[in-house]
Amino acid sequence: MSSRAEEQGLRLVGVGADARADTDADSGAGADVTAPAPERVSEVAHTVEALLFLSSDPLSRAELAEATQAGEGAIDEALELLSQEYAPGRRGLRLRELGGGFTFASDPGSEDAARRLFSRPRVATLSPAQAETLAIVAYLQPVSRPEIARIRGVGADSATATLLDRGLIEEAGTSQFGALLYRTTVQFLKLFGLRSLEDLPDVARWDPSPQEQAELRERLMRAGEARAGDSPREA
């Protein structure tokens, strides 16, 4: 009698264990449906971080969801992850909610350094004359000031002096006639986001021969001289 009772008790224990297992499996399946996978949240967070960096205005949840093609639930998870990564004291930026959207703002602790940085004089944009002169130096370097003047059809003294002062060009020896030659600087590469002069836009895709290059240079100089004779203008 006692053995039969024990057997029945074991069956009941087994049934209870199976039921609990089924319940756990059901609840786990439901969690998978409603909660984004951790790797998916991380992926969305990376994209949201990039979007907030690129945008000058705060972005709403709806805008982020549309751009990332993720649900607002995934956006909320991503924003929560970013808020932890950019918590006060952890980085130089903070994730802030402003004007119905989210944006990055500098940490208040960096305010003094930022004020010192942005109180420096701003770099002025190049004038047309300076841009022309810089383009000539970039593509024909080393090139002399008389050659620049012949190509432009107008004196290049002022433009050349300004480019020298701003560190965009520098002296590169003298020509066979004793004229100073100029070339671009590392500062020029930095300003225009170039790794080297080879990254300059290719204006010779037709692959000119040395003779064709010489003819092109001469044509530019003749055109500059003609322009100077027709309508002189200031450098």
Protein backbone atom coordinates (compact mmCIF):
# COMPACT_ATOMS: atom_id res chain seq x y z
CA MET A 1 0.00 0.00 0.00
CA SER A 2 2.72 2.41 0.90
CA SER A 3 4.61 1.56 -2.27
CA ARG A 4 1.56 2.43 -4.42
CA ALA A 5 1.21 5.76 -2.60
CA GLU A 6 4.83 6.53 -3.22
CA GLU A 7 4.41 5.70 -6.90
CA GLN A 8 1.38 7.98 -7.19
CA GLY A 9 3.26 10.75 -5.38
CA LEU A 10 6.15 10.51 -7.85
CA ARG A 11 3.70 10.77 -10.74
CA LEU A 12 2.21 13.92 -9.25
CA VAL A 13 5.64 15.44 -8.79
CA GLY A 14 6.48 14.67 -12.42
CA VAL A 15 3.25 16.19 -13.69
CA GLY A 16 3.87 19.33 -11.65
CA ALA A 17 7.40 19.63 -13.02
CA ASP A 18 6.16 19.25 -16.60
CA ALA A 19 3.52 21.92 -16.03
CA ARG A 20 6.10 24.34 -14.65
CA ALA A 21 8.36 23.68 -17.61
CA ASP A 22 5.51 24.38 -20.04
CA THR A 23 4.67 27.59 -18.21
CA ASP A 24 8.30 28.75 -18.29
CA ALA A 25 8.56 27.98 -22.00
CA ASP A 26 5.39 29.93 -22.72
CA SER A 27 6.57 32.94 -20.76
CA GLY A 28 9.96 32.81 -22.47
CA ALA A 29 8.36 32.71 -25.91
CA GLY A 30 6.27 35.73 -25.04
CA ALA A 31 9.37 37.63 -23.89
CA ASP A 32 11.12 36.96 -27.19
CA VAL A 33 8.20 38.45 -29.08
CA THR A 34 7.92 41.68 -27.06
CA ALA A 35 11.56 42.47 -26.17
CA PRO A 36 14.18 43.28 -28.83
CA ALA A 37 17.26 41.06 -28.83
CA PRO A 38 20.28 42.67 -27.10
CA GLU A 39 22.31 42.65 -30.31
CA ARG A 40 19.42 44.35 -32.15
CA VAL A 41 19.21 47.05 -29.46
CA SER A 42 22.94 47.64 -29.73
CA GLU A 43 22.70 47.94 -33.50
CA VAL A 44 19.83 50.42 -33.30
CA ALA A 45 21.68 52.38 -30.59
CA HIS A 46 24.72 52.72 -32.86
CA THR A 47 22.53 54.10 -35.65
CA VAL A 48 20.61 56.43 -33.34
CA GLU A 49 23.90 57.73 -31.96
CA ALA A 50 25.07 58.56 -35.48
CA LEU A 51 21.78 60.28 -36.37
CA LEU A 52 21.84 62.43 -33.24
CA PHE A 53 25.44 63.40 -34.01
CA LEU A 54 24.58 64.39 -37.58
CA SER A 55 21.40 66.31 -36.83
CA SER A 56 21.60 69.93 -35.72
CA ASP A 57 18.06 69.71 -34.30
CA PRO A 58 16.59 67.33 -31.70
CA LEU A 59 15.06 64.19 -33.21
CA SER A 60 11.80 62.72 -31.95
CA ARG A 61 11.16 59.03 -31.34
CA ALA A 62 9.01 58.92 -34.47
CA GLU A 63 11.74 60.49 -36.60
CA LEU A 64 14.33 58.07 -35.24
CA ALA A 65 12.00 55.12 -35.78
CA GLU A 66 11.33 56.16 -39.38
CA ALA A 67 15.02 56.71 -40.16
CA THR A 68 16.20 53.46 -38.58
CA GLN A 69 13.15 51.45 -39.71
CA ALA A 70 12.84 50.16 -36.15
CA GLY A 71 9.84 50.20 -33.86
CA GLU A 72 9.49 52.84 -31.17
CA GLY A 73 10.01 50.11 -28.60
CA ALA A 74 13.45 49.43 -30.04
CA ILE A 75 14.11 53.19 -30.12
CA ASP A 76 13.22 53.46 -26.42
CA GLU A 77 15.62 50.60 -25.63
CA ALA A 78 18.34 52.25 -27.73
CA LEU A 79 17.84 55.64 -26.05
CA GLU A 80 17.99 54.00 -22.64
CA LEU A 81 21.27 52.34 -23.58
CA LEU A 82 22.69 55.64 -24.85
CA SER A 83 21.54 57.48 -21.74
CA GLN A 84 23.57 55.04 -19.67
CA GLU A 85 26.64 55.38 -21.89
CA TYR A 86 26.38 59.17 -21.83
CA ALA A 87 25.47 59.46 -18.16
CA PRO A 88 26.78 62.59 -16.35
CA GLY A 89 30.47 62.29 -15.59
CA ARG A 90 31.15 59.45 -18.02
CA ARG A 91 31.83 61.37 -21.22
CA GLY A 92 32.14 64.89 -22.56
CA LEU A 93 28.65 64.68 -24.06
CA ARG A 94 25.22 64.11 -22.57
CA LEU A 95 22.05 62.76 -24.13
CA ARG A 96 19.31 65.31 -23.53
CA GLU A 97 15.61 65.47 -24.32
CA LEU A 98 14.77 68.92 -25.67
CA GLY A 99 11.86 70.33 -27.64
CA GLY A 100 10.10 67.01 -27.98
CA GLY A 101 13.20 65.22 -29.26
CA PHE A 102 16.65 64.00 -28.32
CA THR A 103 20.04 65.56 -28.95
CA PHE A 104 23.61 65.56 -27.73
CA ALA A 105 24.87 68.44 -25.61
CA SER A 106 28.30 69.12 -24.13
CA ASP A 107 28.86 68.36 -20.48
CA PRO A 108 28.66 71.54 -18.35
CA GLY A 109 32.11 70.74 -17.00
CA SER A 110 33.64 71.52 -20.40
CA GLU A 111 32.08 74.99 -20.63
CA ASP A 112 35.24 76.93 -19.74
CA ALA A 113 37.37 75.01 -22.24
CA ALA A 114 34.73 75.45 -24.94
CA ARG A 115 34.60 79.20 -24.29
CA ARG A 116 38.38 79.46 -24.67
CA LEU A 117 38.28 77.45 -27.90
CA PHE A 118 35.50 79.39 -29.60
CA SER A 119 36.76 82.77 -28.50
CA ARG A 120 39.63 82.39 -30.97
CA PRO A 121 39.32 84.31 -34.27
CA ARG A 122 37.37 82.38 -36.86
CA VAL A 123 39.12 81.40 -40.08
CA ALA A 124 37.79 83.63 -42.84
CA THR A 125 36.57 82.13 -46.08
CA LEU A 126 38.69 82.47 -49.19
CA SER A 127 37.93 85.27 -51.60
CA PRO A 128 37.54 84.37 -55.30
CA ALA A 129 41.03 85.73 -56.00
CA GLN A 130 42.54 83.70 -53.17
CA ALA A 131 40.66 80.55 -54.25
CA GLU A 132 41.88 80.95 -57.84
CA THR A 133 45.46 81.45 -56.68
CA LEU A 134 45.31 78.48 -54.33
CA ALA A 135 43.90 76.25 -57.07
CA ILE A 136 46.72 77.24 -59.42
CA VAL A 137 49.35 76.50 -56.78
CA ALA A 138 47.70 73.19 -55.86
CA TYR A 139 47.64 71.85 -59.41
CA LEU A 140 50.77 73.41 -60.90
CA GLN A 141 53.11 73.47 -57.89
CA PRO A 142 55.77 74.50 -57.61
CA VAL A 143 54.69 77.64 -59.43
CA SER A 144 55.99 81.21 -59.37
CA ARG A 145 54.06 84.41 -58.72
CA PRO A 146 54.57 85.71 -62.28
CA GLU A 147 53.13 82.45 -63.63
CA ILE A 148 50.12 82.79 -61.31
CA ALA A 149 49.61 86.36 -62.50
CA ARG A 150 49.80 85.32 -66.16
CA ILE A 151 47.23 82.55 -65.65
CA ARG A 152 44.83 84.74 -63.69
CA GLY A 153 45.34 87.77 -65.88
CA VAL A 154 45.88 89.98 -62.87
CA GLY A 155 48.52 90.49 -60.21
CA ALA A 156 48.59 87.86 -57.47
CA ASP A 157 50.63 89.69 -54.83
CA SER A 158 47.76 90.28 -52.38
CA ALA A 159 46.23 86.81 -52.75
CA THR A 160 49.62 85.11 -52.44
CA ALA A 161 50.51 87.12 -49.33
CA THR A 162 47.20 86.19 -47.69
CA LEU A 163 47.63 82.49 -48.47
CA LEU A 164 51.15 82.64 -47.04
CA ASP A 165 49.88 84.33 -43.85
CA ARG A 166 47.19 81.69 -43.44
CA GLY A 167 49.69 78.89 -43.88
CA LEU A 168 48.02 77.39 -46.95
CA ILE A 169 51.05 77.84 -49.21
CA GLU A 170 54.76 78.15 -48.57
CA GLU A 171 57.93 79.05 -50.45
CA ALA A 172 59.55 76.18 -52.35
CA GLY A 173 62.80 77.56 -53.70
CA THR A 174 63.30 79.69 -56.78
CA SER A 175 62.83 79.19 -60.50
CA GLN A 176 65.66 79.29 -63.04
CA PHE A 177 64.85 82.98 -63.48
CA GLY A 178 65.14 83.71 -59.75
CA ALA A 179 61.40 83.97 -59.03
CA LEU A 180 60.09 82.48 -55.79
CA LEU A 181 58.18 79.23 -56.20
CA TYR A 182 55.18 78.25 -54.08
CA ARG A 183 53.62 74.97 -53.04
CA THR A 184 50.75 73.97 -50.78
CA THR A 185 51.25 73.01 -47.12
CA VAL A 186 50.06 70.33 -44.74
CA GLN A 187 47.57 72.90 -43.43
CA PHE A 188 46.07 73.01 -46.93
CA LEU A 189 45.58 69.23 -46.86
CA LYS A 190 43.96 69.41 -43.42
CA LEU A 191 41.62 72.25 -44.38
CA PHE A 192 40.36 70.42 -47.49
CA GLY A 193 40.28 66.95 -45.90
CA LEU A 194 42.95 65.46 -48.17
CA ARG A 195 45.38 62.71 -47.23
CA SER A 196 47.80 63.81 -49.96
CA LEU A 197 47.86 65.83 -53.18
CA GLU A 198 46.89 62.65 -55.00
CA ASP A 199 43.42 63.08 -53.50
CA LEU A 200 42.86 66.33 -55.39
CA PRO A 201 39.98 66.09 -57.90
CA ASP A 202 41.40 64.81 -61.15
CA VAL A 203 41.29 67.52 -63.83
CA ALA A 204 43.29 65.41 -66.25
CA ARG A 205 41.15 62.32 -66.66
CA TRP A 206 42.02 62.32 -70.35
CA ASP A 207 45.61 61.52 -69.24
CA PRO A 208 47.54 64.29 -71.03
CA SER A 209 51.08 63.75 -72.20
CA PRO A 210 53.87 66.05 -70.96
CA GLN A 211 53.57 67.98 -74.23
CA GLU A 212 49.81 68.38 -73.73
CA GLN A 213 50.38 69.55 -70.16
CA ALA A 214 52.84 72.17 -71.41
CA GLU A 215 50.39 73.30 -74.07
CA LEU A 216 47.60 73.55 -71.47
CA ARG A 217 49.76 75.66 -69.20
CA GLU A 218 50.63 77.96 -72.11
CA ARG A 219 46.97 78.25 -73.15
CA LEU A 220 45.99 79.20 -69.60
CA MET A 221 48.68 81.85 -69.51
CA ARG A 222 47.64 83.31 -72.87
CA ALA A 223 44.01 83.36 -71.75
CA GLY A 224 45.02 85.16 -68.57
CA GLU A 225 46.99 87.75 -70.48
CA ALA A 226 44.05 88.33 -72.82
CA ARG A 227 41.68 88.73 -69.91
CA ALA A 228 44.05 91.19 -68.28
CA GLY A 229 44.12 93.28 -71.47
CA ASP A 230 40.33 93.29 -71.83
CA SER A 231 39.13 94.01 -68.31
CA PRO A 232 41.73 94.46 -65.55
CA ARG A 233 40.45 93.73 -62.06
CA GLU A 234 41.80 93.78 -58.53
CA ALA A 235 43.51 90.73 -57.03
